[in-house]
């Protein structure tokens, strides 16, 4: 179906991409999914603000067939991209991975000089609508083309299925599928239902109990705040933020990480904790960190 809504507006074609015979089934949520589910429920109905956006710039010789083939392969490989999230009468959420289903894909044809602007508009349009998780897959896709050639692919993902790290993984996989061809392949890594099953197992329960016991001990002996400076009368508390870009720090973090056999991120986290502890006179510096296991 092709539609031109107004003079000069991009031509819009709606395709339906079908899937059949894939592995599917239901499961509870992973801990990470449940964390996001509770946030979405608390923000409903205007909870689209935590959906993630991703725009992929395509190589100059990319064809429509390559884009659609790579997209089809990506959804086949990742169960989370074809999973619905429902709540039963007890309000307990579940994930339902579909082995069969359809994904709408829009092809938007625009002028060569308006590709970037059109992609920005598509991103905003797809992002601004909250996902209906009970009957929709957690992704939306629009392909922006000019002169019949795909130029950018716009993705919007529900945070129940993808986080920022996952966006980077999907971008890399999508571009690799474009380069190598969208051949049939095994599922990519550990899938959400398998993760949820593990988290319900006895080893995972023991690990979780040990983690909770550890943090209970830490929080019982940790200062209420690392910066005990109450605001003066009439002051408005502020939450300042800062950023640091340093090639020297990056090189030092990599050297420390290699020496201690950890990641550069762990080295930076340790340095930050040590600095905060030295500045505040405490040897216990709890930090609230985001974890990605969706």
C-alpha atoms as a PDB file:
ATOM      1  CA  UNK A   1       0.000   0.000   0.000  1.00  0.00           C
ATOM      2  CA  UNK A   2       1.380   3.420  -1.020  1.00  0.00           C
ATOM      3  CA  UNK A   3       0.062   6.720   0.297  1.00  0.00           C
ATOM      4  CA  UNK A   4       0.988  10.337  -0.390  1.00  0.00           C
ATOM      5  CA  UNK A   5      -0.823  12.360   2.253  1.00  0.00           C
ATOM      6  CA  UNK A   6      -0.117  15.875   0.997  1.00  0.00           C
ATOM      7  CA  UNK A   7       1.586  17.728  -1.824  1.00  0.00           C
ATOM      8  CA  UNK A   8       5.332  17.442  -1.334  1.00  0.00           C
ATOM      9  CA  UNK A   9       4.980  14.975   1.546  1.00  0.00           C
ATOM     10  CA  UNK A  10       6.971  11.733   1.442  1.00  0.00           C
ATOM     11  CA  UNK A  11       5.362   8.733  -0.255  1.00  0.00           C
ATOM     12  CA  UNK A  12       4.665   6.062   2.327  1.00  0.00           C
ATOM     13  CA  UNK A  13       4.455   2.329   1.602  1.00  0.00           C
ATOM     14  CA  UNK A  14       3.393  -0.171   4.260  1.00  0.00           C
ATOM     15  CA  UNK A  15       4.790  -3.687   4.054  1.00  0.00           C
ATOM     16  CA  UNK A  16       3.953  -6.658   6.245  1.00  0.00           C
ATOM     17  CA  UNK A  17       6.824  -8.977   7.069  1.00  0.00           C
ATOM     18  CA  UNK A  18       5.696 -12.483   7.982  1.00  0.00           C
ATOM     19  CA  UNK A  19       7.300 -15.026  10.321  1.00  0.00           C
ATOM     20  CA  UNK A  20       6.342 -18.670  10.783  1.00  0.00           C
ATOM     21  CA  UNK A  21       7.632 -21.850  12.374  1.00  0.00           C
ATOM     22  CA  UNK A  22      10.031 -20.191  14.812  1.00  0.00           C
ATOM     23  CA  UNK A  23      10.615 -21.251  18.399  1.00  0.00           C
ATOM     24  CA  UNK A  24       8.185 -19.626  20.806  1.00  0.00           C
ATOM     25  CA  UNK A  25       6.386 -19.976  24.110  1.00  0.00           C
ATOM     26  CA  UNK A  26       5.668 -18.284  27.402  1.00  0.00           C
ATOM     27  CA  UNK A  27       7.707 -17.554  30.500  1.00  0.00           C
ATOM     28  CA  UNK A  28       7.869 -15.227  33.447  1.00  0.00           C
ATOM     29  CA  UNK A  29       9.866 -12.034  33.242  1.00  0.00           C
ATOM     30  CA  UNK A  30      13.565 -11.730  33.895  1.00  0.00           C
ATOM     31  CA  UNK A  31      14.547  -9.542  36.821  1.00  0.00           C
ATOM     32  CA  UNK A  32      15.572  -6.797  34.408  1.00  0.00           C
ATOM     33  CA  UNK A  33      12.291  -7.024  32.504  1.00  0.00           C
ATOM     34  CA  UNK A  34      10.294  -6.876  35.732  1.00  0.00           C
ATOM     35  CA  UNK A  35      12.195  -3.758  36.789  1.00  0.00           C
ATOM     36  CA  UNK A  36      11.242  -2.019  33.521  1.00  0.00           C
ATOM     37  CA  UNK A  37       7.680  -3.379  33.634  1.00  0.00           C
ATOM     38  CA  UNK A  38       7.107  -1.720  37.001  1.00  0.00           C
ATOM     39  CA  UNK A  39       8.465   1.583  35.666  1.00  0.00           C
ATOM     40  CA  UNK A  40       6.188   1.416  32.616  1.00  0.00           C
ATOM     41  CA  UNK A  41       3.185   0.665  34.807  1.00  0.00           C
ATOM     42  CA  UNK A  42       3.968   3.624  37.057  1.00  0.00           C
ATOM     43  CA  UNK A  43       4.290   5.990  34.071  1.00  0.00           C
ATOM     44  CA  UNK A  44       1.255   4.747  32.102  1.00  0.00           C
ATOM     45  CA  UNK A  45      -0.293   5.863  29.886  1.00  0.00           C
ATOM     46  CA  UNK A  46       2.453   8.336  28.894  1.00  0.00           C
ATOM     47  CA  UNK A  47       5.325   5.886  29.233  1.00  0.00           C
ATOM     48  CA  UNK A  48       6.844   6.196  25.772  1.00  0.00           C
ATOM     49  CA  UNK A  49       9.622   8.393  27.134  1.00  0.00           C
ATOM     50  CA  UNK A  50      11.767   5.395  28.047  1.00  0.00           C
ATOM     51  CA  UNK A  51      11.469   3.739  24.626  1.00  0.00           C
ATOM     52  CA  UNK A  52      14.786   3.597  22.798  1.00  0.00           C
ATOM     53  CA  UNK A  53      15.540   5.052  19.376  1.00  0.00           C
ATOM     54  CA  UNK A  54      18.110   3.831  16.865  1.00  0.00           C
ATOM     55  CA  UNK A  55      18.901   5.152  13.392  1.00  0.00           C
ATOM     56  CA  UNK A  56      21.183   3.137  11.120  1.00  0.00           C
ATOM     57  CA  UNK A  57      22.871   4.847   8.171  1.00  0.00           C
ATOM     58  CA  UNK A  58      23.069   2.457   5.236  1.00  0.00           C
ATOM     59  CA  UNK A  59      26.005   1.839   2.875  1.00  0.00           C
ATOM     60  CA  UNK A  60      25.552   3.573  -0.519  1.00  0.00           C
ATOM     61  CA  UNK A  61      24.929   0.371  -2.501  1.00  0.00           C
ATOM     62  CA  UNK A  62      22.293  -1.090  -0.154  1.00  0.00           C
ATOM     63  CA  UNK A  63      19.126  -2.411  -1.811  1.00  0.00           C
ATOM     64  CA  UNK A  64      15.620  -2.711  -0.422  1.00  0.00           C
ATOM     65  CA  UNK A  65      15.869  -6.495  -0.605  1.00  0.00           C
ATOM     66  CA  UNK A  66      19.019  -6.459   1.526  1.00  0.00           C
ATOM     67  CA  UNK A  67      17.407  -4.235   4.158  1.00  0.00           C
ATOM     68  CA  UNK A  68      14.285  -6.368   4.408  1.00  0.00           C
ATOM     69  CA  UNK A  69      16.326  -9.576   4.454  1.00  0.00           C
ATOM     70  CA  UNK A  70      18.594  -8.311   7.231  1.00  0.00           C
ATOM     71  CA  UNK A  71      15.608  -7.113   9.241  1.00  0.00           C
ATOM     72  CA  UNK A  72      13.859 -10.466   8.856  1.00  0.00           C
ATOM     73  CA  UNK A  73      16.999 -12.286  10.013  1.00  0.00           C
ATOM     74  CA  UNK A  74      17.423  -9.958  12.985  1.00  0.00           C
ATOM     75  CA  UNK A  75      13.902 -10.636  14.243  1.00  0.00           C
ATOM     76  CA  UNK A  76      14.319 -14.384  13.703  1.00  0.00           C
ATOM     77  CA  UNK A  77      17.554 -14.409  15.712  1.00  0.00           C
ATOM     78  CA  UNK A  78      16.292 -12.451  18.717  1.00  0.00           C
ATOM     79  CA  UNK A  79      13.259 -13.816  20.567  1.00  0.00           C
ATOM     80  CA  UNK A  80      12.929 -10.559  22.475  1.00  0.00           C
ATOM     81  CA  UNK A  81      12.018  -8.705  19.264  1.00  0.00           C
ATOM     82  CA  UNK A  82       8.972 -10.917  18.706  1.00  0.00           C
ATOM     83  CA  UNK A  83       7.757 -11.099  22.288  1.00  0.00           C
ATOM     84  CA  UNK A  84       4.552  -9.709  23.761  1.00  0.00           C
ATOM     85  CA  UNK A  85       4.142  -8.896  27.449  1.00  0.00           C
ATOM     86  CA  UNK A  86       0.834  -9.593  29.166  1.00  0.00           C
ATOM     87  CA  UNK A  87      -0.615  -9.551  32.672  1.00  0.00           C
ATOM     88  CA  UNK A  88      -3.061 -12.148  33.957  1.00  0.00           C
ATOM     89  CA  UNK A  89      -5.965 -11.697  36.388  1.00  0.00           C
ATOM     90  CA  UNK A  90      -3.441 -11.659  39.237  1.00  0.00           C
ATOM     91  CA  UNK A  91      -1.627  -8.767  37.489  1.00  0.00           C
ATOM     92  CA  UNK A  92       1.553 -10.829  37.307  1.00  0.00           C
ATOM     93  CA  UNK A  93       3.293 -10.129  33.980  1.00  0.00           C
ATOM     94  CA  UNK A  94       4.483 -12.775  31.545  1.00  0.00           C
ATOM     95  CA  UNK A  95       6.361 -12.770  28.279  1.00  0.00           C
ATOM     96  CA  UNK A  96       4.962 -14.590  25.259  1.00  0.00           C
ATOM     97  CA  UNK A  97       7.431 -15.209  22.445  1.00  0.00           C
ATOM     98  CA  UNK A  98       5.617 -15.673  19.126  1.00  0.00           C
ATOM     99  CA  UNK A  99       6.802 -18.342  16.727  1.00  0.00           C
ATOM    100  CA  UNK A 100       4.443 -16.932  14.099  1.00  0.00           C
ATOM    101  CA  UNK A 101       3.475 -13.341  13.484  1.00  0.00           C
ATOM    102  CA  UNK A 102       3.798 -10.210  11.403  1.00  0.00           C
ATOM    103  CA  UNK A 103       5.875  -7.052  11.633  1.00  0.00           C
ATOM    104  CA  UNK A 104       4.724  -3.908   9.799  1.00  0.00           C
ATOM    105  CA  UNK A 105       7.543  -2.061   8.034  1.00  0.00           C
ATOM    106  CA  UNK A 106       7.063   1.358   6.473  1.00  0.00           C
ATOM    107  CA  UNK A 107       9.069   2.521   3.446  1.00  0.00           C
ATOM    108  CA  UNK A 108       9.146   6.313   3.235  1.00  0.00           C
ATOM    109  CA  UNK A 109      10.380   7.844  -0.029  1.00  0.00           C
ATOM    110  CA  UNK A 110      11.660  11.407   0.208  1.00  0.00           C
ATOM    111  CA  UNK A 111      13.887  13.830  -1.685  1.00  0.00           C
ATOM    112  CA  UNK A 112      17.677  13.266  -1.464  1.00  0.00           C
ATOM    113  CA  UNK A 113      18.134  16.529   0.403  1.00  0.00           C
ATOM    114  CA  UNK A 114      15.516  15.641   3.012  1.00  0.00           C
ATOM    115  CA  UNK A 115      16.678  12.181   4.107  1.00  0.00           C
ATOM    116  CA  UNK A 116      18.012  13.311   7.465  1.00  0.00           C
ATOM    117  CA  UNK A 117      14.991  15.465   8.271  1.00  0.00           C
ATOM    118  CA  UNK A 118      12.561  12.736   7.213  1.00  0.00           C
ATOM    119  CA  UNK A 119      14.397  10.158   9.350  1.00  0.00           C
ATOM    120  CA  UNK A 120      14.207  12.505  12.346  1.00  0.00           C
ATOM    121  CA  UNK A 121      10.465  12.933  11.788  1.00  0.00           C
ATOM    122  CA  UNK A 122       9.956   9.179  11.460  1.00  0.00           C
ATOM    123  CA  UNK A 123      11.909   8.575  14.650  1.00  0.00           C
ATOM    124  CA  UNK A 124       9.779  11.074  16.542  1.00  0.00           C
ATOM    125  CA  UNK A 125       6.537   9.649  15.132  1.00  0.00           C
ATOM    126  CA  UNK A 126       7.385   6.047  15.988  1.00  0.00           C
ATOM    127  CA  UNK A 127       8.756   6.948  19.419  1.00  0.00           C
ATOM    128  CA  UNK A 128       5.865   9.128  20.539  1.00  0.00           C
ATOM    129  CA  UNK A 129       3.288   6.303  20.621  1.00  0.00           C
ATOM    130  CA  UNK A 130       3.408   4.039  23.698  1.00  0.00           C
ATOM    131  CA  UNK A 131       3.742   0.339  22.940  1.00  0.00           C
ATOM    132  CA  UNK A 132       0.711  -1.879  23.468  1.00  0.00           C
ATOM    133  CA  UNK A 133       2.779  -4.734  24.834  1.00  0.00           C
ATOM    134  CA  UNK A 134      -0.069  -7.230  25.099  1.00  0.00           C
ATOM    135  CA  UNK A 135      -0.667  -7.334  21.340  1.00  0.00           C
ATOM    136  CA  UNK A 136       2.371  -5.662  19.735  1.00  0.00           C
ATOM    137  CA  UNK A 137       5.950  -6.753  19.279  1.00  0.00           C
ATOM    138  CA  UNK A 138       8.385  -4.402  21.029  1.00  0.00           C
ATOM    139  CA  UNK A 139       9.852  -2.750  17.941  1.00  0.00           C
ATOM    140  CA  UNK A 140       8.795  -0.384  15.177  1.00  0.00           C
ATOM    141  CA  UNK A 141      10.665   0.072  11.913  1.00  0.00           C
ATOM    142  CA  UNK A 142      10.677   2.664   9.148  1.00  0.00           C
ATOM    143  CA  UNK A 143      13.003   2.691   6.131  1.00  0.00           C
ATOM    144  CA  UNK A 144      13.766   6.119   4.661  1.00  0.00           C
ATOM    145  CA  UNK A 145      14.623   6.014   0.952  1.00  0.00           C
ATOM    146  CA  UNK A 146      15.536   8.550  -1.726  1.00  0.00           C
ATOM    147  CA  UNK A 147      15.540   7.981  -5.485  1.00  0.00           C
ATOM    148  CA  UNK A 148      14.433   4.418  -4.824  1.00  0.00           C
ATOM    149  CA  UNK A 149      17.432   3.567  -2.645  1.00  0.00           C
ATOM    150  CA  UNK A 150      17.242   2.953   1.132  1.00  0.00           C
ATOM    151  CA  UNK A 151      19.295   5.545   3.032  1.00  0.00           C
ATOM    152  CA  UNK A 152      18.453   5.086   6.732  1.00  0.00           C
ATOM    153  CA  UNK A 153      16.571   2.591   8.886  1.00  0.00           C
ATOM    154  CA  UNK A 154      14.746   3.976  11.914  1.00  0.00           C
ATOM    155  CA  UNK A 155      14.111   1.627  14.843  1.00  0.00           C
ATOM    156  CA  UNK A 156      12.168   2.289  18.036  1.00  0.00           C
ATOM    157  CA  UNK A 157      12.332  -0.383  20.747  1.00  0.00           C
ATOM    158  CA  UNK A 158      10.436  -0.943  23.953  1.00  0.00           C
ATOM    159  CA  UNK A 159      12.749  -0.833  26.942  1.00  0.00           C
ATOM    160  CA  UNK A 160      11.256  -4.194  27.963  1.00  0.00           C
ATOM    161  CA  UNK A 161      13.156  -5.804  25.098  1.00  0.00           C
ATOM    162  CA  UNK A 162      16.217  -3.646  24.446  1.00  0.00           C
ATOM    163  CA  UNK A 163      18.505  -1.372  26.433  1.00  0.00           C
ATOM    164  CA  UNK A 164      21.197   1.050  25.242  1.00  0.00           C
ATOM    165  CA  UNK A 165      23.845  -1.684  25.113  1.00  0.00           C
ATOM    166  CA  UNK A 166      21.407  -3.860  23.184  1.00  0.00           C
ATOM    167  CA  UNK A 167      20.915  -1.082  20.619  1.00  0.00           C
ATOM    168  CA  UNK A 168      24.642  -1.133  19.902  1.00  0.00           C
ATOM    169  CA  UNK A 169      24.582  -4.920  19.527  1.00  0.00           C
ATOM    170  CA  UNK A 170      21.594  -4.820  17.171  1.00  0.00           C
ATOM    171  CA  UNK A 171      23.162  -2.066  15.064  1.00  0.00           C
ATOM    172  CA  UNK A 172      26.308  -4.139  14.615  1.00  0.00           C
ATOM    173  CA  UNK A 173      24.377  -7.314  13.806  1.00  0.00           C
ATOM    174  CA  UNK A 174      22.116  -5.518  11.330  1.00  0.00           C
ATOM    175  CA  UNK A 175      25.065  -4.024   9.427  1.00  0.00           C
ATOM    176  CA  UNK A 176      26.831  -7.392   9.455  1.00  0.00           C
ATOM    177  CA  UNK A 177      23.726  -9.060   8.029  1.00  0.00           C
ATOM    178  CA  UNK A 178      23.673  -6.442   5.272  1.00  0.00           C
ATOM    179  CA  UNK A 179      27.306  -7.224   4.425  1.00  0.00           C
ATOM    180  CA  UNK A 180      27.156 -11.007   4.588  1.00  0.00           C
ATOM    181  CA  UNK A 181      23.597 -11.742   3.543  1.00  0.00           C
ATOM    182  CA  UNK A 182      20.651 -12.730   5.695  1.00  0.00           C
ATOM    183  CA  UNK A 183      21.218 -16.476   5.777  1.00  0.00           C
ATOM    184  CA  UNK A 184      19.359 -18.678   8.195  1.00  0.00           C
ATOM    185  CA  UNK A 185      21.279 -19.007  11.439  1.00  0.00           C
ATOM    186  CA  UNK A 186      21.077 -20.100  15.025  1.00  0.00           C
ATOM    187  CA  UNK A 187      19.447 -17.828  17.618  1.00  0.00           C
ATOM    188  CA  UNK A 188      21.757 -15.135  18.937  1.00  0.00           C
ATOM    189  CA  UNK A 189      23.096 -15.950  22.374  1.00  0.00           C
ATOM    190  CA  UNK A 190      21.070 -16.427  25.540  1.00  0.00           C
ATOM    191  CA  UNK A 191      17.405 -15.642  24.910  1.00  0.00           C
ATOM    192  CA  UNK A 192      15.084 -13.936  27.441  1.00  0.00           C
ATOM    193  CA  UNK A 193      12.990 -17.027  28.179  1.00  0.00           C
ATOM    194  CA  UNK A 194      16.124 -19.017  28.958  1.00  0.00           C
ATOM    195  CA  UNK A 195      17.336 -16.214  31.207  1.00  0.00           C
ATOM    196  CA  UNK A 196      13.989 -16.147  33.023  1.00  0.00           C
ATOM    197  CA  UNK A 197      14.115 -19.925  33.507  1.00  0.00           C
ATOM    198  CA  UNK A 198      17.615 -19.679  34.960  1.00  0.00           C
ATOM    199  CA  UNK A 199      16.554 -16.929  37.355  1.00  0.00           C
ATOM    200  CA  UNK A 200      13.839 -19.247  38.678  1.00  0.00           C
ATOM    201  CA  UNK A 201      16.328 -22.084  39.244  1.00  0.00           C
ATOM    202  CA  UNK A 202      17.824 -23.056  42.586  1.00  0.00           C
ATOM    203  CA  UNK A 203      21.373 -21.865  41.712  1.00  0.00           C
ATOM    204  CA  UNK A 204      20.024 -18.457  40.722  1.00  0.00           C
ATOM    205  CA  UNK A 205      17.907 -18.241  43.874  1.00  0.00           C
ATOM    206  CA  UNK A 206      20.974 -18.986  45.991  1.00  0.00           C
ATOM    207  CA  UNK A 207      22.985 -16.357  44.124  1.00  0.00           C
ATOM    208  CA  UNK A 208      20.181 -13.828  44.550  1.00  0.00           C
ATOM    209  CA  UNK A 209      19.817 -14.574  48.260  1.00  0.00           C
ATOM    210  CA  UNK A 210      23.573 -14.165  48.731  1.00  0.00           C
ATOM    211  CA  UNK A 211      23.498 -10.875  46.842  1.00  0.00           C
ATOM    212  CA  UNK A 212      20.605  -9.562  48.932  1.00  0.00           C
ATOM    213  CA  UNK A 213      22.349 -10.601  52.150  1.00  0.00           C
ATOM    214  CA  UNK A 214      25.522  -8.847  51.044  1.00  0.00           C
ATOM    215  CA  UNK A 215      23.736  -5.600  50.233  1.00  0.00           C
ATOM    216  CA  UNK A 216      21.769  -5.789  53.467  1.00  0.00           C
ATOM    217  CA  UNK A 217      25.061  -5.878  55.379  1.00  0.00           C
ATOM    218  CA  UNK A 218      26.528  -3.055  53.293  1.00  0.00           C
ATOM    219  CA  UNK A 219      23.525  -0.745  53.564  1.00  0.00           C
ATOM    220  CA  UNK A 220      23.188  -1.287  57.314  1.00  0.00           C
ATOM    221  CA  UNK A 221      26.700   0.103  57.823  1.00  0.00           C
ATOM    222  CA  UNK A 222      26.874   2.679  55.026  1.00  0.00           C
ATOM    223  CA  UNK A 223      26.367   6.415  55.674  1.00  0.00           C
ATOM    224  CA  UNK A 224      22.966   7.718  54.597  1.00  0.00           C
ATOM    225  CA  UNK A 225      24.697  10.020  52.132  1.00  0.00           C
ATOM    226  CA  UNK A 226      28.257  10.456  50.931  1.00  0.00           C
ATOM    227  CA  UNK A 227      27.800  14.231  50.935  1.00  0.00           C
ATOM    228  CA  UNK A 228      26.168  15.260  54.247  1.00  0.00           C
ATOM    229  CA  UNK A 229      25.628  18.900  53.337  1.00  0.00           C
ATOM    230  CA  UNK A 230      21.980  19.771  54.038  1.00  0.00           C
ATOM    231  CA  UNK A 231      20.691  22.797  52.109  1.00  0.00           C
ATOM    232  CA  UNK A 232      20.455  26.075  53.939  1.00  0.00           C
ATOM    233  CA  UNK A 233      17.106  27.746  54.565  1.00  0.00           C
ATOM    234  CA  UNK A 234      15.689  29.064  51.313  1.00  0.00           C
ATOM    235  CA  UNK A 235      18.030  27.022  49.113  1.00  0.00           C
ATOM    236  CA  UNK A 236      16.766  24.710  46.403  1.00  0.00           C
ATOM    237  CA  UNK A 237      18.645  21.377  46.301  1.00  0.00           C
ATOM    238  CA  UNK A 238      20.402  20.838  42.995  1.00  0.00           C
ATOM    239  CA  UNK A 239      21.550  17.681  41.259  1.00  0.00           C
ATOM    240  CA  UNK A 240      24.562  18.736  39.217  1.00  0.00           C
ATOM    241  CA  UNK A 241      26.101  16.508  36.604  1.00  0.00           C
ATOM    242  CA  UNK A 242      29.441  16.555  34.896  1.00  0.00           C
ATOM    243  CA  UNK A 243      31.304  14.760  32.149  1.00  0.00           C
ATOM    244  CA  UNK A 244      34.961  14.153  31.399  1.00  0.00           C
ATOM    245  CA  UNK A 245      36.575  13.372  28.061  1.00  0.00           C
ATOM    246  CA  UNK A 246      40.235  12.434  28.333  1.00  0.00           C
ATOM    247  CA  UNK A 247      42.431  10.372  26.031  1.00  0.00           C
ATOM    248  CA  UNK A 248      44.971  10.034  28.843  1.00  0.00           C
ATOM    249  CA  UNK A 249      42.341   8.697  31.250  1.00  0.00           C
ATOM    250  CA  UNK A 250      41.109   6.223  28.637  1.00  0.00           C
ATOM    251  CA  UNK A 251      44.647   4.918  28.099  1.00  0.00           C
ATOM    252  CA  UNK A 252      45.261   4.679  31.847  1.00  0.00           C
ATOM    253  CA  UNK A 253      41.977   2.817  32.389  1.00  0.00           C
ATOM    254  CA  UNK A 254      42.893   0.296  29.702  1.00  0.00           C
ATOM    255  CA  UNK A 255      46.336  -0.232  31.252  1.00  0.00           C
ATOM    256  CA  UNK A 256      44.897  -0.757  34.744  1.00  0.00           C
ATOM    257  CA  UNK A 257      42.213  -3.060  33.357  1.00  0.00           C
ATOM    258  CA  UNK A 258      44.795  -5.207  31.576  1.00  0.00           C
ATOM    259  CA  UNK A 259      46.946  -5.390  34.718  1.00  0.00           C
ATOM    260  CA  UNK A 260      44.058  -6.552  36.905  1.00  0.00           C
ATOM    261  CA  UNK A 261      42.242  -8.574  34.211  1.00  0.00           C
ATOM    262  CA  UNK A 262      39.030  -6.563  34.399  1.00  0.00           C
ATOM    263  CA  UNK A 263      37.192  -4.305  31.959  1.00  0.00           C
ATOM    264  CA  UNK A 264      38.108  -0.610  31.516  1.00  0.00           C
ATOM    265  CA  UNK A 265      34.640   0.217  32.882  1.00  0.00           C
ATOM    266  CA  UNK A 266      35.418  -1.695  36.093  1.00  0.00           C
ATOM    267  CA  UNK A 267      38.733   0.153  36.413  1.00  0.00           C
ATOM    268  CA  UNK A 268      36.997   3.522  36.043  1.00  0.00           C
ATOM    269  CA  UNK A 269      34.317   2.498  38.534  1.00  0.00           C
ATOM    270  CA  UNK A 270      36.953   1.508  41.067  1.00  0.00           C
ATOM    271  CA  UNK A 271      38.789   4.805  40.585  1.00  0.00           C
ATOM    272  CA  UNK A 272      35.561   6.767  41.037  1.00  0.00           C
ATOM    273  CA  UNK A 273      34.743   4.862  44.236  1.00  0.00           C
ATOM    274  CA  UNK A 274      38.244   5.457  45.622  1.00  0.00           C
ATOM    275  CA  UNK A 275      38.048   9.173  44.810  1.00  0.00           C
ATOM    276  CA  UNK A 276      34.623   9.575  46.425  1.00  0.00           C
ATOM    277  CA  UNK A 277      35.783   7.654  49.484  1.00  0.00           C
ATOM    278  CA  UNK A 278      38.891   9.829  49.859  1.00  0.00           C
ATOM    279  CA  UNK A 279      36.909  13.029  49.445  1.00  0.00           C
ATOM    280  CA  UNK A 280      34.183  12.045  51.898  1.00  0.00           C
ATOM    281  CA  UNK A 281      36.289  10.189  54.464  1.00  0.00           C
ATOM    282  CA  UNK A 282      34.577   6.811  54.204  1.00  0.00           C
ATOM    283  CA  UNK A 283      35.685   3.371  53.072  1.00  0.00           C
ATOM    284  CA  UNK A 284      32.156   2.429  51.958  1.00  0.00           C
ATOM    285  CA  UNK A 285      30.912   4.076  48.769  1.00  0.00           C
ATOM    286  CA  UNK A 286      27.672   2.521  47.459  1.00  0.00           C
ATOM    287  CA  UNK A 287      26.809   3.409  43.858  1.00  0.00           C
ATOM    288  CA  UNK A 288      23.500   2.864  42.092  1.00  0.00           C
ATOM    289  CA  UNK A 289      24.289   1.201  38.756  1.00  0.00           C
ATOM    290  CA  UNK A 290      22.148   0.217  35.786  1.00  0.00           C
ATOM    291  CA  UNK A 291      22.405  -3.414  34.683  1.00  0.00           C
ATOM    292  CA  UNK A 292      21.346  -4.837  31.347  1.00  0.00           C
ATOM    293  CA  UNK A 293      20.036  -8.406  31.294  1.00  0.00           C
ATOM    294  CA  UNK A 294      16.968  -8.058  29.120  1.00  0.00           C
END
